[in-house]
Amino acid sequence: MGECQVLPHLFWDMTMAELDFVWYGYRHKEEQEWLRVRWQTTLLINIQLPKGKKITPEELLKLDCDSRNFVKQRVMSNEELQEVLKKYNNVKPIG
C-alpha cells in the first residue's frame, strides 16, 4: 500500500495478479533508480582515475538484479526446429 502508492480502498479490491503487477512495477522502478545511481557514481569516479584503471558499474556495486535480469539465450538447433515444425504440419486453418 504505502510503498507502492496504492490507496487502501483500491488495495482491498485488487486480485493477487493485480497485486503482483503492482509489486513488479515497484520493484522494477527501484532497480532502475539503483542502476542509474550506480552508473552516475561510476562516471564520477572514472573521471578521477588514470586511463588504465577505469571501473565498471558492476565492479563498483553488485546488485541482485544483475544476475536475476540476465538470461542466457539458447539458440534452437536445426533438428529441434524441425521437430517443432512437425507438430504444426497437421494444423488446419480456421474457416
N, C-alpha and C. Protein backbone atom coordinates (compact mmCIF):
# COMPACT_ATOMS: atom_id res chain seq x y z
N MET A 1 0.82 -1.16 0.00
CA MET A 1 0.00 0.00 0.00
C MET A 1 0.88 1.24 0.00
N GLY A 2 1.55 1.52 1.10
CA GLY A 2 2.30 2.76 1.22
C GLY A 2 3.45 2.88 0.24
N GLU A 3 4.31 1.87 0.21
CA GLU A 3 5.48 1.93 -0.67
C GLU A 3 5.08 1.93 -2.13
N CYS A 4 4.09 1.15 -2.46
CA CYS A 4 3.65 1.03 -3.86
C CYS A 4 2.67 2.12 -4.25
N GLN A 5 2.30 2.97 -3.32
CA GLN A 5 1.39 4.09 -3.55
C GLN A 5 0.02 3.64 -4.07
N VAL A 6 -0.52 2.61 -3.41
CA VAL A 6 -1.86 2.14 -3.74
C VAL A 6 -2.78 2.54 -2.58
N LEU A 7 -3.87 3.17 -2.91
CA LEU A 7 -4.82 3.59 -1.88
C LEU A 7 -5.47 2.37 -1.24
N PRO A 8 -5.78 2.43 0.07
CA PRO A 8 -6.32 1.26 0.76
C PRO A 8 -7.58 0.69 0.13
N HIS A 9 -8.51 1.54 -0.28
CA HIS A 9 -9.75 1.01 -0.86
C HIS A 9 -9.49 0.32 -2.20
N LEU A 10 -8.46 0.73 -2.92
CA LEU A 10 -8.10 0.04 -4.16
C LEU A 10 -7.34 -1.25 -3.87
N PHE A 11 -6.51 -1.21 -2.82
CA PHE A 11 -5.74 -2.39 -2.45
C PHE A 11 -6.65 -3.57 -2.13
N TRP A 12 -7.69 -3.33 -1.34
CA TRP A 12 -8.55 -4.42 -0.91
C TRP A 12 -9.42 -4.96 -2.03
N ASP A 13 -9.58 -4.21 -3.11
CA ASP A 13 -10.35 -4.69 -4.25
C ASP A 13 -9.49 -5.39 -5.30
N MET A 14 -8.18 -5.42 -5.11
CA MET A 14 -7.28 -6.00 -6.11
C MET A 14 -7.22 -7.52 -6.00
N THR A 15 -6.99 -8.15 -7.14
CA THR A 15 -6.74 -9.59 -7.16
C THR A 15 -5.25 -9.82 -6.91
N MET A 16 -4.88 -11.08 -6.69
CA MET A 16 -3.47 -11.39 -6.47
C MET A 16 -2.64 -11.07 -7.71
N ALA A 17 -3.20 -11.29 -8.89
CA ALA A 17 -2.47 -10.97 -10.12
C ALA A 17 -2.21 -9.47 -10.22
N GLU A 18 -3.20 -8.67 -9.87
CA GLU A 18 -3.02 -7.21 -9.91
C GLU A 18 -1.98 -6.75 -8.89
N LEU A 19 -2.01 -7.35 -7.70
CA LEU A 19 -1.00 -7.02 -6.69
C LEU A 19 0.39 -7.40 -7.17
N ASP A 20 0.47 -8.53 -7.86
CA ASP A 20 1.76 -8.97 -8.40
C ASP A 20 2.27 -7.97 -9.43
N PHE A 21 1.39 -7.47 -10.28
CA PHE A 21 1.80 -6.46 -11.28
C PHE A 21 2.26 -5.17 -10.60
N VAL A 22 1.56 -4.76 -9.56
CA VAL A 22 1.95 -3.55 -8.84
C VAL A 22 3.32 -3.75 -8.20
N TRP A 23 3.52 -4.91 -7.57
CA TRP A 23 4.80 -5.18 -6.92
C TRP A 23 5.92 -5.25 -7.95
N TYR A 24 5.67 -5.90 -9.08
CA TYR A 24 6.69 -5.98 -10.14
C TYR A 24 7.06 -4.59 -10.63
N GLY A 25 6.07 -3.74 -10.85
CA GLY A 25 6.34 -2.38 -11.31
C GLY A 25 7.13 -1.58 -10.29
N TYR A 26 6.79 -1.73 -9.02
CA TYR A 26 7.51 -1.02 -7.97
C TYR A 26 8.96 -1.49 -7.90
N ARG A 27 9.14 -2.82 -7.94
CA ARG A 27 10.50 -3.37 -7.87
C ARG A 27 11.32 -2.94 -9.08
N HIS A 28 10.71 -2.93 -10.26
CA HIS A 28 11.41 -2.51 -11.47
C HIS A 28 11.84 -1.05 -11.37
N LYS A 29 10.96 -0.21 -10.86
CA LYS A 29 11.28 1.22 -10.69
C LYS A 29 12.45 1.40 -9.72
N GLU A 30 12.43 0.66 -8.61
CA GLU A 30 13.52 0.74 -7.64
C GLU A 30 14.84 0.28 -8.25
N GLU A 31 14.80 -0.81 -9.01
CA GLU A 31 16.02 -1.31 -9.65
C GLU A 31 16.58 -0.30 -10.64
N GLN A 32 15.70 0.34 -11.40
CA GLN A 32 16.16 1.34 -12.37
C GLN A 32 16.82 2.52 -11.67
N GLU A 33 16.28 2.91 -10.52
CA GLU A 33 16.89 4.01 -9.76
C GLU A 33 18.27 3.62 -9.26
N TRP A 34 18.41 2.39 -8.75
CA TRP A 34 19.72 1.92 -8.28
C TRP A 34 20.71 1.83 -9.44
N LEU A 35 20.27 1.33 -10.58
CA LEU A 35 21.16 1.23 -11.74
C LEU A 35 21.63 2.61 -12.19
N ARG A 36 20.72 3.59 -12.16
CA ARG A 36 21.08 4.95 -12.56
C ARG A 36 22.09 5.56 -11.59
N VAL A 37 21.88 5.40 -10.30
CA VAL A 37 22.81 5.94 -9.30
C VAL A 37 24.17 5.26 -9.43
N ARG A 38 24.18 3.95 -9.65
CA ARG A 38 25.44 3.23 -9.81
C ARG A 38 26.19 3.72 -11.03
N TRP A 39 25.47 3.93 -12.13
CA TRP A 39 26.09 4.41 -13.37
C TRP A 39 26.66 5.81 -13.18
N GLN A 40 25.88 6.71 -12.56
CA GLN A 40 26.35 8.08 -12.33
C GLN A 40 27.58 8.10 -11.43
N THR A 41 27.56 7.29 -10.39
CA THR A 41 28.70 7.25 -9.47
C THR A 41 29.94 6.72 -10.17
N THR A 42 29.76 5.71 -11.03
CA THR A 42 30.89 5.17 -11.79
C THR A 42 31.49 6.24 -12.68
N LEU A 43 30.65 7.04 -13.33
CA LEU A 43 31.17 8.11 -14.17
C LEU A 43 31.98 9.12 -13.35
N LEU A 44 31.46 9.48 -12.19
CA LEU A 44 32.16 10.45 -11.35
C LEU A 44 33.49 9.90 -10.84
N ILE A 45 33.54 8.62 -10.54
CA ILE A 45 34.79 8.01 -10.08
C ILE A 45 35.78 7.89 -11.23
N ASN A 46 35.30 7.47 -12.41
CA ASN A 46 36.20 7.23 -13.54
C ASN A 46 36.87 8.50 -14.05
N ILE A 47 36.25 9.66 -13.88
CA ILE A 47 36.92 10.88 -14.34
C ILE A 47 38.10 11.24 -13.43
N GLN A 48 38.14 10.66 -12.24
CA GLN A 48 39.23 10.91 -11.31
C GLN A 48 40.36 9.88 -11.43
N LEU A 49 40.09 8.75 -12.08
CA LEU A 49 41.07 7.66 -12.17
C LEU A 49 41.94 7.80 -13.40
N PRO A 50 43.18 7.26 -13.36
CA PRO A 50 44.01 7.26 -14.56
C PRO A 50 43.39 6.39 -15.65
N LYS A 51 43.87 6.55 -16.88
CA LYS A 51 43.24 5.93 -18.04
C LYS A 51 43.12 4.40 -17.94
N GLY A 52 44.11 3.71 -17.46
CA GLY A 52 44.07 2.25 -17.43
C GLY A 52 43.36 1.65 -16.23
N LYS A 53 42.88 2.45 -15.32
CA LYS A 53 42.31 1.94 -14.07
C LYS A 53 40.80 2.17 -13.97
N LYS A 54 40.13 2.31 -15.09
CA LYS A 54 38.68 2.56 -15.07
C LYS A 54 37.95 1.36 -14.48
N ILE A 55 36.81 1.62 -13.84
CA ILE A 55 35.99 0.55 -13.29
C ILE A 55 34.64 0.53 -13.98
N THR A 56 33.99 -0.60 -13.91
CA THR A 56 32.65 -0.74 -14.48
C THR A 56 31.62 -0.56 -13.37
N PRO A 57 30.39 -0.27 -13.72
CA PRO A 57 29.36 -0.14 -12.68
C PRO A 57 29.20 -1.42 -11.85
N GLU A 58 29.36 -2.59 -12.49
CA GLU A 58 29.23 -3.85 -11.77
C GLU A 58 30.36 -4.05 -10.77
N GLU A 59 31.56 -3.54 -11.10
CA GLU A 59 32.68 -3.64 -10.16
C GLU A 59 32.47 -2.70 -8.97
N LEU A 60 31.83 -1.58 -9.20
CA LEU A 60 31.59 -0.61 -8.14
C LEU A 60 30.60 -1.15 -7.12
N LEU A 61 29.48 -1.66 -7.61
CA LEU A 61 28.42 -2.13 -6.72
C LEU A 61 27.66 -3.25 -7.40
N LYS A 62 27.68 -4.43 -6.79
CA LYS A 62 26.94 -5.55 -7.34
C LYS A 62 25.50 -5.49 -6.81
N LEU A 63 24.56 -5.62 -7.71
CA LEU A 63 23.14 -5.62 -7.35
C LEU A 63 22.56 -6.99 -7.66
N ASP A 64 21.55 -7.39 -6.90
CA ASP A 64 20.95 -8.70 -7.15
C ASP A 64 20.23 -8.75 -8.49
N CYS A 65 19.82 -7.61 -9.01
CA CYS A 65 19.14 -7.60 -10.30
C CYS A 65 20.11 -7.87 -11.45
N ASP A 66 21.43 -7.75 -11.23
CA ASP A 66 22.40 -8.04 -12.28
C ASP A 66 22.31 -9.50 -12.71
N SER A 67 22.27 -10.40 -11.74
CA SER A 67 22.21 -11.82 -12.08
C SER A 67 20.78 -12.25 -12.39
N ARG A 68 19.81 -11.64 -11.73
CA ARG A 68 18.42 -12.05 -11.94
C ARG A 68 17.91 -11.63 -13.32
N ASN A 69 18.34 -10.48 -13.81
CA ASN A 69 17.85 -9.98 -15.09
C ASN A 69 18.59 -10.55 -16.29
N PHE A 70 19.70 -11.26 -16.04
CA PHE A 70 20.47 -11.80 -17.15
C PHE A 70 20.02 -13.22 -17.42
N VAL A 71 19.45 -13.44 -18.58
CA VAL A 71 19.03 -14.77 -19.01
C VAL A 71 19.79 -15.09 -20.27
N LYS A 72 20.58 -16.17 -20.22
CA LYS A 72 21.35 -16.55 -21.39
C LYS A 72 20.40 -17.15 -22.43
N GLN A 73 20.42 -16.60 -23.61
CA GLN A 73 19.54 -17.06 -24.67
C GLN A 73 20.11 -18.33 -25.29
N ARG A 74 19.25 -19.33 -25.45
CA ARG A 74 19.67 -20.58 -26.07
C ARG A 74 19.10 -20.61 -27.48
N VAL A 75 19.95 -20.91 -28.44
CA VAL A 75 19.52 -20.98 -29.82
C VAL A 75 19.12 -22.41 -30.13
N MET A 76 17.94 -22.56 -30.72
CA MET A 76 17.43 -23.88 -31.05
C MET A 76 18.23 -24.47 -32.21
N SER A 77 18.58 -25.75 -32.09
CA SER A 77 19.30 -26.40 -33.19
C SER A 77 18.33 -26.67 -34.33
N ASN A 78 18.88 -26.97 -35.50
CA ASN A 78 18.04 -27.23 -36.67
C ASN A 78 17.16 -28.46 -36.45
N GLU A 79 17.70 -29.48 -35.79
CA GLU A 79 16.90 -30.69 -35.52
C GLU A 79 15.73 -30.37 -34.60
N GLU A 80 15.98 -29.56 -33.57
CA GLU A 80 14.90 -29.18 -32.66
C GLU A 80 13.83 -28.36 -33.38
N LEU A 81 14.26 -27.49 -34.27
CA LEU A 81 13.31 -26.69 -35.04
C LEU A 81 12.44 -27.56 -35.93
N GLN A 82 13.05 -28.52 -36.60
CA GLN A 82 12.28 -29.41 -37.47
C GLN A 82 11.28 -30.23 -36.67
N GLU A 83 11.66 -30.65 -35.46
CA GLU A 83 10.76 -31.41 -34.61
C GLU A 83 9.55 -30.56 -34.18
N VAL A 84 9.79 -29.30 -33.88
CA VAL A 84 8.69 -28.40 -33.50
C VAL A 84 7.79 -28.15 -34.70
N LEU A 85 8.37 -27.95 -35.88
CA LEU A 85 7.57 -27.69 -37.08
C LEU A 85 6.72 -28.88 -37.47
N LYS A 86 7.19 -30.10 -37.19
CA LYS A 86 6.40 -31.31 -37.49
C LYS A 86 5.09 -31.31 -36.73
N LYS A 87 5.11 -30.79 -35.50
CA LYS A 87 3.90 -30.75 -34.68
C LYS A 87 2.82 -29.87 -35.31
N TYR A 88 3.22 -28.88 -36.10
CA TYR A 88 2.26 -27.94 -36.68
C TYR A 88 1.87 -28.30 -38.11
N ASN A 89 2.40 -29.38 -38.65
CA ASN A 89 2.04 -29.79 -40.01
C ASN A 89 0.58 -30.20 -40.12
N ASN A 90 0.02 -30.76 -39.06
CA ASN A 90 -1.36 -31.25 -39.09
C ASN A 90 -2.39 -30.19 -38.73
N VAL A 91 -1.97 -28.99 -38.43
CA VAL A 91 -2.89 -27.93 -38.05
C VAL A 91 -3.56 -27.39 -39.30
N LYS A 92 -4.89 -27.33 -39.25
CA LYS A 92 -5.66 -26.82 -40.38
C LYS A 92 -6.13 -25.41 -40.08
N PRO A 93 -6.15 -24.55 -41.08
CA PRO A 93 -6.62 -23.17 -40.85
C PRO A 93 -8.10 -23.13 -40.49
N ILE A 94 -8.47 -22.14 -39.72
CA ILE A 94 -9.86 -21.96 -39.32
C ILE A 94 -10.59 -21.24 -40.45
N GLY A 95 -11.77 -21.76 -40.76
CA GLY A 95 -12.59 -21.02 -41.72
C GLY A 95 -12.95 -21.74 -42.93
